[in-house]
Amino acid sequence: ESDLAVTGIYMYGPEAFDYIRHLKPSDRGELEITDVNNAFIEAGSLSYSVLDGSWTDAGTFESLAVANRLAENLMLKVFEDSIGHGRAG
């Protein structure tokens, strides 16, 4: 069990295209990004970073509304911090 999530944010170098050229379509008939990641793992060249902050699902109308509120609150905090909470400097 973990409190980490795969965000789906991938950054690849040009060698990714070499791996993609050798992929075979899955049972769904598609080239799968997981297979690209697995190719990097097999080559010993996959790396990752743990991002600071929060991550939330936005795949349903309800979760999108929650994500929107979280983003609004974050933007408000950034704005307030940038103006020093309204205090003259």
N, C-alpha and C. Protein backbone atom coordinates (compact mmCIF):
# COMPACT_ATOMS: atom_id res chain seq x y z
N GLU A 1 0.85 -1.18 0.00
CA GLU A 1 0.00 0.00 0.00
C GLU A 1 0.89 1.23 0.00
N SER A 2 0.45 2.26 -0.72
CA SER A 2 1.26 3.46 -0.88
C SER A 2 0.35 4.67 -0.99
N ASP A 3 0.88 5.82 -0.65
CA ASP A 3 0.14 7.06 -0.86
C ASP A 3 0.62 7.77 -2.13
N LEU A 4 1.34 7.04 -2.99
CA LEU A 4 1.83 7.59 -4.25
C LEU A 4 0.91 7.18 -5.38
N ALA A 5 0.91 7.97 -6.45
CA ALA A 5 0.09 7.67 -7.62
C ALA A 5 0.94 7.89 -8.87
N VAL A 6 0.64 7.15 -9.91
CA VAL A 6 1.25 7.39 -11.21
C VAL A 6 0.42 8.49 -11.86
N THR A 7 1.05 9.63 -12.08
CA THR A 7 0.33 10.79 -12.60
C THR A 7 0.08 10.72 -14.10
N GLY A 8 0.83 9.88 -14.79
CA GLY A 8 0.69 9.82 -16.23
C GLY A 8 1.45 10.93 -16.94
N ILE A 9 2.37 11.54 -16.24
CA ILE A 9 3.22 12.57 -16.85
C ILE A 9 4.56 11.90 -17.17
N TYR A 10 4.79 11.64 -18.46
CA TYR A 10 6.00 10.95 -18.88
C TYR A 10 6.82 11.87 -19.76
N MET A 11 8.13 11.84 -19.56
CA MET A 11 9.05 12.59 -20.40
C MET A 11 10.09 11.60 -20.93
N TYR A 12 10.17 11.50 -22.24
CA TYR A 12 11.05 10.53 -22.87
C TYR A 12 12.10 11.24 -23.72
N GLY A 13 13.26 10.62 -23.80
CA GLY A 13 14.28 11.06 -24.73
C GLY A 13 14.00 10.45 -26.10
N PRO A 14 14.80 10.80 -27.09
CA PRO A 14 14.58 10.32 -28.45
C PRO A 14 14.66 8.80 -28.58
N GLU A 15 15.35 8.13 -27.64
CA GLU A 15 15.45 6.66 -27.73
C GLU A 15 14.10 5.98 -27.57
N ALA A 16 13.12 6.69 -27.05
CA ALA A 16 11.77 6.11 -26.92
C ALA A 16 11.25 5.67 -28.28
N PHE A 17 11.59 6.41 -29.33
CA PHE A 17 11.11 6.04 -30.66
C PHE A 17 11.71 4.72 -31.13
N ASP A 18 12.94 4.42 -30.70
CA ASP A 18 13.53 3.12 -31.02
C ASP A 18 12.71 2.00 -30.38
N TYR A 19 12.31 2.20 -29.14
CA TYR A 19 11.49 1.20 -28.45
C TYR A 19 10.11 1.08 -29.11
N ILE A 20 9.53 2.21 -29.45
CA ILE A 20 8.19 2.21 -30.05
C ILE A 20 8.19 1.46 -31.37
N ARG A 21 9.25 1.64 -32.16
CA ARG A 21 9.32 0.96 -33.47
C ARG A 21 9.25 -0.56 -33.33
N HIS A 22 9.67 -1.09 -32.18
CA HIS A 22 9.70 -2.53 -31.99
C HIS A 22 8.50 -3.07 -31.22
N LEU A 23 7.57 -2.21 -30.86
CA LEU A 23 6.39 -2.67 -30.11
C LEU A 23 5.42 -3.39 -31.02
N LYS A 24 4.73 -4.33 -30.43
CA LYS A 24 3.64 -5.02 -31.11
C LYS A 24 2.33 -4.54 -30.48
N PRO A 25 1.28 -4.38 -31.28
CA PRO A 25 0.00 -3.97 -30.71
C PRO A 25 -0.49 -4.96 -29.64
N SER A 26 -1.15 -4.42 -28.65
CA SER A 26 -1.72 -5.23 -27.57
C SER A 26 -2.96 -5.97 -28.07
N ASP A 27 -3.58 -6.72 -27.19
CA ASP A 27 -4.83 -7.40 -27.54
C ASP A 27 -5.91 -6.40 -27.94
N ARG A 28 -5.77 -5.16 -27.47
CA ARG A 28 -6.73 -4.11 -27.84
C ARG A 28 -6.39 -3.50 -29.20
N GLY A 29 -5.28 -3.95 -29.80
CA GLY A 29 -4.87 -3.44 -31.10
C GLY A 29 -4.15 -2.11 -31.03
N GLU A 30 -3.65 -1.76 -29.84
CA GLU A 30 -2.99 -0.48 -29.66
C GLU A 30 -1.56 -0.66 -29.16
N LEU A 31 -0.72 0.32 -29.45
CA LEU A 31 0.60 0.37 -28.83
C LEU A 31 0.39 0.96 -27.44
N GLU A 32 0.95 0.31 -26.43
CA GLU A 32 0.68 0.69 -25.04
C GLU A 32 1.88 1.43 -24.44
N ILE A 33 1.59 2.53 -23.76
CA ILE A 33 2.65 3.31 -23.11
C ILE A 33 3.35 2.49 -22.04
N THR A 34 2.63 1.57 -21.41
CA THR A 34 3.24 0.69 -20.41
C THR A 34 4.37 -0.12 -21.03
N ASP A 35 4.21 -0.54 -22.29
CA ASP A 35 5.26 -1.30 -22.96
C ASP A 35 6.50 -0.43 -23.21
N VAL A 36 6.30 0.85 -23.47
CA VAL A 36 7.44 1.76 -23.61
C VAL A 36 8.17 1.86 -22.27
N ASN A 37 7.40 2.05 -21.19
CA ASN A 37 8.02 2.12 -19.86
C ASN A 37 8.76 0.83 -19.54
N ASN A 38 8.16 -0.31 -19.87
CA ASN A 38 8.81 -1.60 -19.62
C ASN A 38 10.11 -1.74 -20.42
N ALA A 39 10.15 -1.19 -21.63
CA ALA A 39 11.38 -1.23 -22.43
C ALA A 39 12.48 -0.43 -21.74
N PHE A 40 12.14 0.72 -21.18
CA PHE A 40 13.12 1.50 -20.42
C PHE A 40 13.59 0.74 -19.19
N ILE A 41 12.67 0.05 -18.52
CA ILE A 41 13.05 -0.76 -17.35
C ILE A 41 14.03 -1.85 -17.76
N GLU A 42 13.70 -2.57 -18.84
CA GLU A 42 14.56 -3.66 -19.31
C GLU A 42 15.95 -3.14 -19.70
N ALA A 43 16.00 -1.91 -20.22
CA ALA A 43 17.29 -1.32 -20.60
C ALA A 43 18.02 -0.73 -19.39
N GLY A 44 17.36 -0.74 -18.24
CA GLY A 44 17.97 -0.18 -17.04
C GLY A 44 18.07 1.34 -17.06
N SER A 45 17.19 1.98 -17.83
CA SER A 45 17.31 3.43 -17.96
C SER A 45 16.04 4.19 -17.57
N LEU A 46 15.16 3.55 -16.84
CA LEU A 46 13.96 4.25 -16.37
C LEU A 46 14.28 4.98 -15.07
N SER A 47 13.89 6.22 -14.99
CA SER A 47 14.02 6.97 -13.74
C SER A 47 12.69 7.64 -13.46
N TYR A 48 12.52 8.09 -12.23
CA TYR A 48 11.27 8.73 -11.84
C TYR A 48 11.54 9.78 -10.78
N SER A 49 10.57 10.61 -10.57
CA SER A 49 10.64 11.63 -9.52
C SER A 49 9.34 11.61 -8.74
N VAL A 50 9.44 11.90 -7.46
CA VAL A 50 8.25 12.07 -6.64
C VAL A 50 7.97 13.57 -6.59
N LEU A 51 6.79 13.95 -7.04
CA LEU A 51 6.42 15.36 -7.11
C LEU A 51 5.87 15.84 -5.77
N ASP A 52 6.19 17.06 -5.43
CA ASP A 52 5.60 17.68 -4.24
C ASP A 52 4.17 18.09 -4.56
N GLY A 53 3.36 18.16 -3.53
CA GLY A 53 2.00 18.66 -3.72
C GLY A 53 0.98 17.55 -3.72
N SER A 54 -0.13 17.86 -4.31
CA SER A 54 -1.27 16.93 -4.32
C SER A 54 -1.60 16.51 -5.73
N TRP A 55 -2.32 15.41 -5.81
CA TRP A 55 -2.81 14.91 -7.08
C TRP A 55 -4.19 14.36 -6.83
N THR A 56 -5.09 14.62 -7.73
CA THR A 56 -6.45 14.11 -7.55
C THR A 56 -7.00 13.67 -8.89
N ASP A 57 -7.93 12.76 -8.84
CA ASP A 57 -8.60 12.26 -10.03
C ASP A 57 -9.51 13.35 -10.59
N ALA A 58 -9.68 13.37 -11.89
CA ALA A 58 -10.61 14.30 -12.52
C ALA A 58 -11.36 13.59 -13.64
N GLY A 59 -11.60 12.29 -13.44
CA GLY A 59 -12.21 11.48 -14.49
C GLY A 59 -13.72 11.39 -14.45
N THR A 60 -14.33 11.95 -13.42
CA THR A 60 -15.80 11.99 -13.35
C THR A 60 -16.20 13.45 -13.13
N PHE A 61 -17.48 13.74 -13.35
CA PHE A 61 -17.93 15.12 -13.12
C PHE A 61 -17.69 15.54 -11.67
N GLU A 62 -17.96 14.63 -10.74
CA GLU A 62 -17.79 14.95 -9.33
C GLU A 62 -16.33 15.19 -8.98
N SER A 63 -15.45 14.29 -9.45
CA SER A 63 -14.03 14.46 -9.13
C SER A 63 -13.44 15.66 -9.85
N LEU A 64 -13.97 15.99 -11.02
CA LEU A 64 -13.52 17.19 -11.73
C LEU A 64 -13.88 18.44 -10.93
N ALA A 65 -15.07 18.45 -10.34
CA ALA A 65 -15.49 19.59 -9.51
C ALA A 65 -14.56 19.73 -8.30
N VAL A 66 -14.22 18.60 -7.67
CA VAL A 66 -13.29 18.63 -6.53
C VAL A 66 -11.93 19.15 -6.98
N ALA A 67 -11.43 18.64 -8.11
CA ALA A 67 -10.13 19.08 -8.62
C ALA A 67 -10.14 20.57 -8.93
N ASN A 68 -11.26 21.06 -9.47
CA ASN A 68 -11.39 22.48 -9.76
C ASN A 68 -11.29 23.32 -8.50
N ARG A 69 -11.99 22.88 -7.44
CA ARG A 69 -11.94 23.61 -6.17
C ARG A 69 -10.52 23.61 -5.60
N LEU A 70 -9.85 22.46 -5.66
CA LEU A 70 -8.47 22.39 -5.18
C LEU A 70 -7.56 23.35 -5.95
N ALA A 71 -7.73 23.39 -7.28
CA ALA A 71 -6.92 24.28 -8.11
C ALA A 71 -7.21 25.74 -7.79
N GLU A 72 -8.49 26.07 -7.60
CA GLU A 72 -8.85 27.45 -7.25
C GLU A 72 -8.22 27.85 -5.92
N ASN A 73 -8.29 26.96 -4.93
CA ASN A 73 -7.69 27.25 -3.62
C ASN A 73 -6.19 27.43 -3.73
N LEU A 74 -5.54 26.59 -4.54
CA LEU A 74 -4.10 26.71 -4.73
C LEU A 74 -3.75 28.03 -5.40
N MET A 75 -4.50 28.38 -6.44
CA MET A 75 -4.24 29.64 -7.14
C MET A 75 -4.46 30.83 -6.22
N LEU A 76 -5.48 30.77 -5.37
CA LEU A 76 -5.73 31.84 -4.42
C LEU A 76 -4.57 31.97 -3.44
N LYS A 77 -4.06 30.83 -2.96
CA LYS A 77 -2.93 30.86 -2.02
C LYS A 77 -1.69 31.45 -2.70
N VAL A 78 -1.42 31.05 -3.93
CA VAL A 78 -0.27 31.59 -4.67
C VAL A 78 -0.42 33.10 -4.83
N PHE A 79 -1.63 33.53 -5.19
CA PHE A 79 -1.87 34.97 -5.35
C PHE A 79 -1.68 35.71 -4.03
N GLU A 80 -2.27 35.18 -2.97
CA GLU A 80 -2.13 35.83 -1.66
C GLU A 80 -0.67 35.90 -1.23
N ASP A 81 0.06 34.81 -1.45
CA ASP A 81 1.49 34.81 -1.09
C ASP A 81 2.26 35.84 -1.92
N SER A 82 1.87 36.01 -3.19
CA SER A 82 2.60 36.93 -4.06
C SER A 82 2.38 38.39 -3.68
N ILE A 83 1.25 38.68 -3.04
CA ILE A 83 0.99 40.07 -2.64
C ILE A 83 1.21 40.27 -1.15
N GLY A 84 1.75 39.25 -0.49
CA GLY A 84 2.03 39.37 0.94
C GLY A 84 0.77 39.48 1.77
N HIS A 85 -0.29 38.79 1.36
CA HIS A 85 -1.56 38.78 2.09
C HIS A 85 -2.11 40.19 2.27
N GLY A 86 -1.83 41.06 1.29
CA GLY A 86 -2.39 42.40 1.32
C GLY A 86 -1.62 43.39 2.18
N ARG A 87 -0.52 42.96 2.78
CA ARG A 87 0.27 43.85 3.63
C ARG A 87 1.21 44.70 2.78
N ALA A 88 1.33 45.93 3.14
CA ALA A 88 2.28 46.81 2.44
C ALA A 88 3.69 46.42 2.84
N GLY A 89 4.59 46.43 1.86
CA GLY A 89 5.88 45.91 2.11
C GLY A 89 6.93 46.81 2.52
